[in-house]
Amino acid sequence: MSSSIQRISVLGSTGSIGVNTLDVIQRHPDHYEVFALSAHSKLDLMTAQCVQFRPRFAVMVSEWHGRELKRVLADLGSPTEVLWGAESLEWIAAHEEVTTVMAAIVGAAGLASCIAAALAGKRLLLANKEALVVGGAFFMNAVRRGGARLLPIDSEHSAIFQSLPEDPAIWPEVIEKIILTASGGPFRMRDPATFITISPEEACAHPNWVMGRKISVDSATMMNKALEVIEAKFLFGVAPSVIEVIIHPQSVVHSMVQFVDHSVVAQLGTPDMRGPIGYGLSWPTRRTSGASALNFSSMAGLSFEPMTTLGHPQRFPGLQLAWDVLAGPPGTTAVLNAANEVAVAAFLDRKIRFDQIHAVNTDCLSKFTPAAPSSLADLLAIDSEARRLGQSVVQGLSPGNGSVSL
């Protein structure tokens, strides 16, 4: 790797991953430079980031937010040029002066910019699950065609990547099992019979990680782990049957690889996203990230629990959907992702109950079998139709409807 400064576009800079990325970047001004930032609607935070990091470009999703940011930055004398819209997002992802892209936009909204970065051959730090869950083989083909360097940022997939041999060509012949660890979320020990009363505030109170509201709910339902199973299949080129999920409440062992000789390699660290972010930025070397070191002398212990001991599938019925959709026609993973985004948003808006999230997902999957996608437009069409169907299913439910439960 060249010793020259990496010029970085941070897509989704005001979210949890984006904020942590900028925290790591500011620790190494001799190695990293912020070229562009993007955000959805957090004007105050985006303004502060532009003032601190002085990016060449800042992109907002809507014209209104873009014009407002432009006005505020002009008043502050900021040199940052403000753009807006999806095309601008793809432009800063593929810009010829950019070496590295942090893809941290939540949801399918980040898919097009991920593909743009991949086709442009960037060093692509992938924190957007949906690029792989929705894009699947199509996205991985874009990575190959563009010659991009894909580095996973999810703590679990970063752990697997760090545990594997350097040469991906030998992965299929040496991997026996990929073991994804899951904390179990806030309801690991809660009686499933009480899930009907779970509030958005309870679902967002993760015991270990500080995350955005959507991914926090996904952790509580275990849908985040289902999406990670799908990611792992495409990232590491393994059969779904090779992937296993195990509960690890302490979130210290981030994931493991079992090899054909039955040896297991694991990656450990504190539950701090700056760890995998820092590794993605510095790979193949390592630099300080701000994450705290593990203190083994004060660690009470590490425990692991098979899913079966937790009343699965009654407690976490969504997890099995990962293997179900991977066995379905191409594009089925995109249907699950879209339905889940709609369902989680409805739960956070108190339109449906926590236990009805799974009902929305399964209903959409039973009603929509997509045609095999062959383009980004096809993927976005599947996503759009699944969202429309999901909204229809949500409208047929209500928090008081007792007919739908686990």
Protein backbone atom coordinates (compact mmCIF):
# COMPACT_ATOMS: atom_id res chain seq x y z
CA MET A 1 0.00 0.00 0.00
CA SER A 2 1.23 3.48 -0.84
CA SER A 3 2.24 5.72 2.04
CA SER A 4 0.38 8.64 0.47
CA ILE A 5 -2.61 10.16 2.22
CA GLN A 6 -5.95 8.45 1.65
CA ARG A 7 -8.62 10.85 0.39
CA ILE A 8 -11.88 9.63 1.86
CA SER A 9 -15.56 10.10 1.05
CA VAL A 10 -17.68 9.30 4.11
CA LEU A 11 -21.18 8.40 2.94
CA GLY A 12 -23.53 8.76 5.89
CA SER A 13 -21.18 10.89 7.98
CA THR A 14 -23.75 11.94 10.60
CA GLY A 15 -24.76 8.39 11.51
CA SER A 16 -23.08 6.28 14.19
CA ILE A 17 -20.57 4.67 11.79
CA GLY A 18 -19.84 7.98 10.10
CA VAL A 19 -19.20 9.79 13.37
CA ASN A 20 -16.87 7.00 14.53
CA THR A 21 -15.08 7.03 11.17
CA LEU A 22 -14.36 10.73 11.50
CA ASP A 23 -13.13 10.15 15.05
CA VAL A 24 -10.57 7.65 13.74
CA ILE A 25 -9.62 9.90 10.81
CA GLN A 26 -8.91 12.92 12.99
CA ARG A 27 -6.39 10.87 14.98
CA HIS A 28 -4.18 10.41 11.89
CA PRO A 29 -4.01 13.64 9.87
CA ASP A 30 -0.79 12.43 8.23
CA HIS A 31 -2.59 9.43 6.73
CA TYR A 32 -6.22 10.42 6.09
CA GLU A 33 -7.93 13.40 4.48
CA VAL A 34 -11.69 13.95 4.24
CA PHE A 35 -12.58 14.61 0.62
CA ALA A 36 -16.38 14.53 0.90
CA LEU A 37 -19.17 14.00 3.42
CA SER A 38 -22.80 13.09 2.93
CA ALA A 39 -25.83 13.12 5.20
CA HIS A 40 -29.59 12.76 5.08
CA SER A 41 -30.97 15.62 7.18
CA LYS A 42 -28.84 16.37 10.29
CA LEU A 43 -27.88 19.91 9.34
CA ASP A 44 -26.32 20.98 12.64
CA LEU A 45 -24.01 17.98 12.84
CA MET A 46 -23.11 18.16 9.16
CA THR A 47 -22.28 21.85 9.59
CA ALA A 48 -19.97 21.05 12.50
CA GLN A 49 -18.28 18.27 10.53
CA CYS A 50 -17.71 20.54 7.55
CA VAL A 51 -16.19 23.22 9.79
CA GLN A 52 -13.87 20.72 11.49
CA PHE A 53 -12.79 18.60 8.51
CA ARG A 54 -13.10 21.13 5.66
CA PRO A 55 -14.11 18.60 2.96
CA ARG A 56 -14.09 19.63 -0.68
CA PHE A 57 -17.72 18.55 -1.02
CA ALA A 58 -20.75 17.95 1.19
CA VAL A 59 -23.85 16.20 -0.14
CA MET A 60 -27.35 16.28 1.33
CA VAL A 61 -30.16 14.04 0.11
CA SER A 62 -32.75 16.73 -0.56
CA GLU A 63 -32.42 20.07 -2.29
CA TRP A 64 -33.95 21.88 0.70
CA HIS A 65 -31.38 20.50 3.11
CA GLY A 66 -28.63 21.13 0.58
CA ARG A 67 -29.55 24.77 0.08
CA GLU A 68 -29.86 25.30 3.82
CA LEU A 69 -26.42 23.78 4.44
CA LYS A 70 -24.99 25.89 1.63
CA ARG A 71 -26.40 29.05 3.21
CA VAL A 72 -25.09 28.23 6.68
CA LEU A 73 -21.60 27.27 5.46
CA ALA A 74 -21.40 30.44 3.34
CA ASP A 75 -22.18 32.53 6.43
CA LEU A 76 -19.36 30.73 8.24
CA GLY A 77 -16.91 31.28 5.39
CA SER A 78 -16.51 27.56 4.76
CA PRO A 79 -14.81 26.57 1.48
CA THR A 80 -16.88 23.36 1.20
CA GLU A 81 -18.99 23.06 -1.94
CA VAL A 82 -22.51 21.78 -1.20
CA LEU A 83 -24.36 19.41 -3.54
CA TRP A 84 -27.55 17.39 -3.20
CA GLY A 85 -29.37 14.42 -4.68
CA ALA A 86 -28.63 10.79 -5.52
CA GLU A 87 -26.44 11.59 -8.53
CA SER A 88 -24.19 13.78 -6.39
CA LEU A 89 -23.87 10.95 -3.88
CA GLU A 90 -22.70 8.57 -6.59
CA TRP A 91 -20.38 11.28 -7.94
CA ILE A 92 -18.46 11.69 -4.66
CA ALA A 93 -18.30 7.90 -4.32
CA ALA A 94 -16.65 7.49 -7.73
CA HIS A 95 -14.68 10.76 -7.95
CA GLU A 96 -11.24 10.24 -9.49
CA GLU A 97 -9.48 11.97 -6.58
CA VAL A 98 -11.08 9.69 -3.98
CA THR A 99 -9.07 6.68 -2.87
CA THR A 100 -11.33 5.36 -0.11
CA VAL A 101 -15.09 5.28 0.42
CA MET A 102 -16.76 4.59 3.76
CA ALA A 103 -20.20 3.28 2.79
CA ALA A 104 -22.27 3.90 5.92
CA ILE A 105 -25.67 4.90 4.55
CA VAL A 106 -28.35 2.79 6.20
CA GLY A 107 -30.70 0.81 3.99
CA ALA A 108 -31.13 0.25 0.28
CA ALA A 109 -30.66 4.00 -0.24
CA GLY A 110 -26.91 3.35 -0.08
CA LEU A 111 -26.85 0.67 -2.78
CA ALA A 112 -26.30 2.87 -5.84
CA SER A 113 -23.39 4.77 -4.31
CA CYS A 114 -21.79 1.49 -3.17
CA ILE A 115 -21.98 0.14 -6.71
CA ALA A 116 -20.57 3.42 -8.08
CA ALA A 117 -17.58 3.14 -5.73
CA ALA A 118 -17.10 -0.52 -6.61
CA LEU A 119 -17.15 0.07 -10.36
CA ALA A 120 -14.69 2.95 -9.90
CA GLY A 121 -12.24 0.58 -8.22
CA LYS A 122 -12.16 2.28 -4.85
CA ARG A 123 -11.01 0.95 -1.51
CA LEU A 124 -14.55 0.31 -0.30
CA LEU A 125 -15.15 0.10 3.44
CA LEU A 126 -18.54 -1.55 3.57
CA ALA A 127 -20.70 -0.78 6.60
CA ASN A 128 -23.90 -0.84 4.55
CA LYS A 129 -25.36 -4.33 4.99
CA GLU A 130 -27.90 -3.77 2.26
CA ALA A 131 -25.33 -3.52 -0.53
CA LEU A 132 -24.78 -7.25 -0.10
CA VAL A 133 -28.23 -8.23 1.15
CA VAL A 134 -30.00 -6.43 -1.69
CA GLY A 135 -27.21 -6.47 -4.27
CA GLY A 136 -25.84 -9.95 -3.57
CA ALA A 137 -24.08 -11.49 -6.55
CA PHE A 138 -24.74 -8.38 -8.66
CA PHE A 139 -22.84 -6.19 -6.19
CA MET A 140 -19.94 -8.65 -5.87
CA ASN A 141 -19.70 -8.75 -9.65
CA ALA A 142 -19.41 -4.93 -9.65
CA VAL A 143 -16.55 -5.23 -7.14
CA ARG A 144 -14.74 -7.68 -9.42
CA ARG A 145 -15.39 -5.68 -12.58
CA GLY A 146 -14.13 -2.45 -11.03
CA GLY A 147 -11.16 -4.03 -9.29
CA ALA A 148 -12.28 -2.53 -5.98
CA ARG A 149 -10.77 -3.57 -2.65
CA LEU A 150 -13.74 -4.57 -0.49
CA LEU A 151 -13.14 -4.38 3.27
CA PRO A 152 -16.02 -5.32 5.61
CA ILE A 153 -16.72 -2.97 8.51
CA ASP A 154 -19.45 -4.85 10.37
CA SER A 155 -17.64 -6.05 13.48
CA GLU A 156 -18.52 -9.68 12.73
CA HIS A 157 -17.41 -9.66 9.11
CA SER A 158 -14.29 -7.67 9.92
CA ALA A 159 -13.49 -10.34 12.53
CA ILE A 160 -13.92 -13.11 9.96
CA PHE A 161 -11.81 -11.22 7.42
CA GLN A 162 -9.06 -10.75 10.01
CA SER A 163 -9.19 -14.48 10.86
CA LEU A 164 -8.87 -15.76 7.29
CA PRO A 165 -5.73 -16.37 5.21
CA GLU A 166 -4.67 -13.43 3.07
CA ASP A 167 -5.36 -15.22 -0.25
CA PRO A 168 -9.14 -15.45 -0.90
CA ALA A 169 -8.53 -18.12 -3.54
CA ILE A 170 -7.89 -20.73 -0.85
CA TRP A 171 -10.81 -19.80 1.41
CA PRO A 172 -13.25 -22.42 0.00
CA GLU A 173 -10.80 -25.26 0.58
CA VAL A 174 -9.76 -24.32 4.14
CA ILE A 175 -12.99 -23.01 5.73
CA GLU A 176 -15.11 -25.59 7.50
CA LYS A 177 -17.39 -23.23 9.38
CA ILE A 178 -17.97 -19.50 9.82
CA ILE A 179 -19.27 -18.75 13.29
CA LEU A 180 -21.05 -15.41 13.72
CA THR A 181 -21.40 -14.30 17.33
CA ALA A 182 -24.52 -12.49 18.53
CA SER A 183 -25.00 -10.67 21.81
CA GLY A 184 -28.64 -11.71 21.99
CA GLY A 185 -29.67 -8.08 22.27
CA PRO A 186 -31.78 -6.60 25.06
CA PHE A 187 -34.30 -9.48 25.12
CA ARG A 188 -31.96 -12.46 25.33
CA MET A 189 -33.53 -13.63 28.59
CA ARG A 190 -36.96 -12.00 28.31
CA ASP A 191 -40.06 -14.20 28.21
CA PRO A 192 -41.32 -14.22 24.59
CA ALA A 193 -44.87 -14.10 25.95
CA THR A 194 -44.17 -10.49 26.98
CA PHE A 195 -42.87 -9.36 23.58
CA ILE A 196 -46.29 -7.91 22.79
CA THR A 197 -45.59 -5.06 25.23
CA ILE A 198 -42.06 -4.14 24.07
CA SER A 199 -41.66 -0.42 23.36
CA PRO A 200 -39.33 1.22 20.83
CA GLU A 201 -37.32 2.63 23.71
CA GLU A 202 -36.74 -0.84 25.17
CA ALA A 203 -35.83 -2.29 21.78
CA CYS A 204 -33.25 0.45 21.15
CA ALA A 205 -31.50 -0.05 24.51
CA HIS A 206 -28.75 -2.44 23.43
CA PRO A 207 -26.72 -3.82 26.36
CA ASN A 208 -23.31 -3.58 24.63
CA TRP A 209 -23.30 -1.44 21.50
CA VAL A 210 -24.26 2.18 20.82
CA MET A 211 -26.04 2.08 17.45
CA GLY A 212 -28.73 3.80 15.42
CA ARG A 213 -32.39 3.04 16.09
CA LYS A 214 -32.98 0.81 13.07
CA ILE A 215 -30.01 -1.49 13.65
CA SER A 216 -30.79 -1.56 17.38
CA VAL A 217 -34.25 -2.95 16.64
CA ASP A 218 -32.70 -5.43 14.20
CA SER A 219 -30.42 -6.58 17.00
CA ALA A 220 -33.40 -7.04 19.30
CA THR A 221 -35.23 -9.20 16.73
CA MET A 222 -32.00 -10.92 15.59
CA MET A 223 -32.72 -9.73 12.06
CA ASN A 224 -29.32 -8.05 12.08
CA LYS A 225 -27.80 -11.51 12.40
CA ALA A 226 -29.98 -12.84 9.59
CA LEU A 227 -28.69 -10.04 7.36
CA GLU A 228 -25.14 -10.83 8.46
CA VAL A 229 -25.58 -14.47 7.45
CA ILE A 230 -26.56 -13.27 3.98
CA GLU A 231 -23.60 -10.89 3.90
CA ALA A 232 -21.18 -13.63 4.93
CA LYS A 233 -22.39 -15.92 2.14
CA PHE A 234 -21.54 -13.34 -0.52
CA LEU A 235 -18.46 -11.82 1.12
CA PHE A 236 -16.63 -15.06 1.72
CA GLY A 237 -18.07 -17.24 -1.05
CA VAL A 238 -19.30 -20.02 1.23
CA ALA A 239 -22.47 -22.10 1.20
CA PRO A 240 -25.15 -20.92 3.65
CA SER A 241 -24.91 -24.29 5.43
CA VAL A 242 -21.34 -23.42 6.45
CA ILE A 243 -22.52 -20.38 8.46
CA GLU A 244 -23.53 -20.76 12.10
CA VAL A 245 -24.79 -18.25 14.69
CA ILE A 246 -23.99 -18.57 18.38
CA ILE A 247 -24.92 -16.33 21.31
CA HIS A 248 -22.01 -14.59 23.03
CA PRO A 249 -23.44 -12.05 25.51
CA GLN A 250 -20.18 -10.22 26.24
CA SER A 251 -19.55 -9.13 22.60
CA VAL A 252 -15.80 -9.63 23.04
CA VAL A 253 -15.29 -12.42 20.50
CA HIS A 254 -16.59 -10.72 17.39
CA SER A 255 -16.70 -13.88 15.25
CA MET A 256 -14.69 -17.00 14.47
CA VAL A 257 -13.56 -19.25 11.64
CA GLN A 258 -13.27 -23.01 12.06
CA PHE A 259 -10.88 -24.56 9.57
CA VAL A 260 -10.79 -28.05 8.08
CA ASP A 261 -8.18 -29.12 10.65
CA HIS A 262 -10.74 -28.13 13.34
CA SER A 263 -8.59 -25.28 14.62
CA VAL A 264 -10.54 -22.08 15.32
CA VAL A 265 -9.27 -18.54 14.79
CA ALA A 266 -11.17 -15.74 16.50
CA GLN A 267 -10.85 -11.96 16.63
CA LEU A 268 -11.41 -10.28 20.00
CA GLY A 269 -11.85 -6.66 21.01
CA THR A 270 -13.94 -4.25 23.02
CA PRO A 271 -17.43 -3.55 21.61
CA ASP A 272 -16.36 -0.34 19.86
CA MET A 273 -16.91 0.19 16.14
CA ARG A 274 -13.74 2.25 15.90
CA GLY A 275 -11.85 -1.05 16.01
CA PRO A 276 -13.12 -2.47 12.70
CA ILE A 277 -13.31 1.01 11.19
CA GLY A 278 -9.68 1.66 12.05
CA TYR A 279 -8.64 -1.70 10.64
CA GLY A 280 -10.49 -1.03 7.38
CA LEU A 281 -8.84 2.36 7.03
CA SER A 282 -5.33 1.14 7.84
CA TRP A 283 -5.37 -2.32 6.20
CA PRO A 284 -3.05 -4.13 5.65
CA THR A 285 -1.26 -2.44 8.53
CA ARG A 286 -2.75 -1.30 11.86
CA ARG A 287 -2.98 2.08 13.59
CA THR A 288 -4.55 3.32 16.80
CA SER A 289 -8.31 3.75 16.56
CA GLY A 290 -9.35 5.10 19.94
CA ALA A 291 -10.92 1.80 20.98
CA SER A 292 -10.02 0.67 24.49
CA ALA A 293 -7.82 -2.37 25.04
CA LEU A 294 -9.24 -5.54 26.53
CA ASN A 295 -8.31 -6.08 30.17
CA PHE A 296 -8.13 -9.84 30.55
CA SER A 297 -7.22 -9.67 34.24
CA SER A 298 -10.52 -7.97 35.06
CA MET A 299 -12.68 -9.93 32.62
CA ALA A 300 -15.23 -12.03 34.50
CA GLY A 301 -15.48 -14.61 31.76
CA LEU A 302 -16.63 -15.34 28.23
CA SER A 303 -19.70 -17.47 27.63
CA PHE A 304 -21.35 -18.99 24.59
CA GLU A 305 -24.90 -20.29 24.22
CA PRO A 306 -26.43 -22.23 21.33
CA MET A 307 -29.54 -20.64 19.89
CA THR A 308 -31.60 -23.63 20.98
CA THR A 309 -31.19 -22.77 24.67
CA LEU A 310 -32.91 -19.43 24.18
CA GLY A 311 -36.21 -20.73 22.92
CA HIS A 312 -35.32 -20.18 19.29
CA PRO A 313 -37.29 -19.92 17.04
CA GLN A 314 -39.97 -18.57 19.40
CA ARG A 315 -37.69 -15.81 20.67
CA PHE A 316 -35.89 -14.96 17.42
CA PRO A 317 -38.00 -16.29 14.52
CA GLY A 318 -36.42 -13.88 12.02
CA LEU A 319 -33.02 -15.53 12.09
CA GLN A 320 -34.09 -18.58 10.06
CA LEU A 321 -35.28 -16.28 7.27
CA ALA A 322 -31.63 -15.81 6.22
CA TRP A 323 -31.28 -19.42 5.09
CA ASP A 324 -34.83 -19.41 3.70
CA VAL A 325 -34.24 -16.46 1.37
CA LEU A 326 -30.79 -17.67 0.32
CA ALA A 327 -32.50 -20.87 -0.82
CA GLY A 328 -35.06 -18.84 -2.78
CA PRO A 329 -34.82 -17.21 -6.22
CA PRO A 330 -32.24 -14.43 -6.73
CA GLY A 331 -33.70 -11.17 -5.45
CA THR A 332 -35.52 -12.78 -2.51
CA THR A 333 -32.95 -11.36 -0.11
CA ALA A 334 -33.89 -7.89 -1.37
CA VAL A 335 -37.55 -8.58 -0.59
CA LEU A 336 -36.68 -9.51 3.00
CA ASN A 337 -34.54 -6.44 3.46
CA ALA A 338 -37.20 -4.04 2.16
CA ALA A 339 -40.00 -5.65 4.15
CA ASN A 340 -37.93 -5.49 7.31
CA GLU A 341 -37.06 -1.82 6.81
CA VAL A 342 -40.76 -1.01 6.46
CA ALA A 343 -41.69 -3.14 9.46
CA VAL A 344 -39.01 -1.66 11.73
CA ALA A 345 -39.97 1.89 10.73
CA ALA A 346 -43.62 1.09 11.50
CA PHE A 347 -42.67 -0.31 14.91
CA LEU A 348 -40.57 2.75 15.73
CA ASP A 349 -43.55 4.92 14.73
CA ARG A 350 -45.73 2.76 17.04
CA LYS A 351 -47.90 1.59 14.14
CA ILE A 352 -47.30 -2.10 14.82
CA ARG A 353 -46.13 -4.18 17.76
CA PHE A 354 -42.61 -5.53 18.17
CA ASP A 355 -43.78 -9.10 17.59
CA GLN A 356 -45.51 -8.06 14.35
CA ILE A 357 -42.22 -7.16 12.64
CA HIS A 358 -41.68 -10.84 11.82
CA ALA A 359 -45.27 -11.16 10.58
CA VAL A 360 -44.71 -8.33 8.06
CA ASN A 361 -41.53 -9.97 6.81
CA THR A 362 -43.00 -13.44 6.35
CA ASP A 363 -46.17 -12.10 4.76
CA CYS A 364 -44.19 -10.14 2.17
CA LEU A 365 -42.00 -13.13 1.38
CA SER A 366 -45.04 -15.36 0.88
CA LYS A 367 -46.72 -12.87 -1.46
CA PHE A 368 -43.80 -11.72 -3.62
CA THR A 369 -41.49 -13.95 -5.66
CA PRO A 370 -39.20 -11.64 -7.66
CA ALA A 371 -37.83 -12.16 -11.13
CA ALA A 372 -34.05 -12.62 -11.21
CA PRO A 373 -32.41 -9.15 -11.22
CA SER A 374 -29.82 -8.39 -13.87
CA SER A 375 -29.29 -4.67 -13.25
CA LEU A 376 -29.38 -2.01 -10.55
CA ALA A 377 -32.75 -0.91 -11.92
CA ASP A 378 -34.08 -4.45 -11.40
CA LEU A 379 -32.84 -4.48 -7.80
CA LEU A 380 -34.38 -1.10 -7.08
CA ALA A 381 -37.66 -2.22 -8.66
CA ILE A 382 -37.74 -5.29 -6.39
CA ASP A 383 -36.98 -3.07 -3.41
CA SER A 384 -39.73 -0.63 -4.35
CA GLU A 385 -42.36 -3.32 -4.89
CA ALA A 386 -41.47 -5.06 -1.63
CA ARG A 387 -41.77 -1.76 0.24
CA ARG A 388 -45.16 -1.12 -1.30
CA LEU A 389 -46.28 -4.57 -0.27
CA GLY A 390 -44.81 -4.09 3.19
CA GLN A 391 -46.73 -0.86 3.68
CA SER A 392 -49.91 -2.64 2.64
CA VAL A 393 -49.28 -5.41 5.19
CA VAL A 394 -48.56 -2.85 7.92
CA GLN A 395 -51.82 -1.06 7.20
CA GLY A 396 -53.65 -4.33 7.82
CA LEU A 397 -52.13 -4.61 11.28
CA SER A 398 -52.35 -2.51 14.38
CA PRO A 399 -50.63 -2.58 17.77
CA GLY A 400 -53.85 -3.85 19.30
CA ASN A 401 -54.45 -6.61 16.77
CA GLY A 402 -53.96 -9.79 18.75
CA SER A 403 -54.25 -12.10 15.73
CA VAL A 404 -50.61 -11.66 14.78
CA SER A 405 -47.91 -12.77 17.19
CA LEU A 406 -44.84 -14.93 17.52
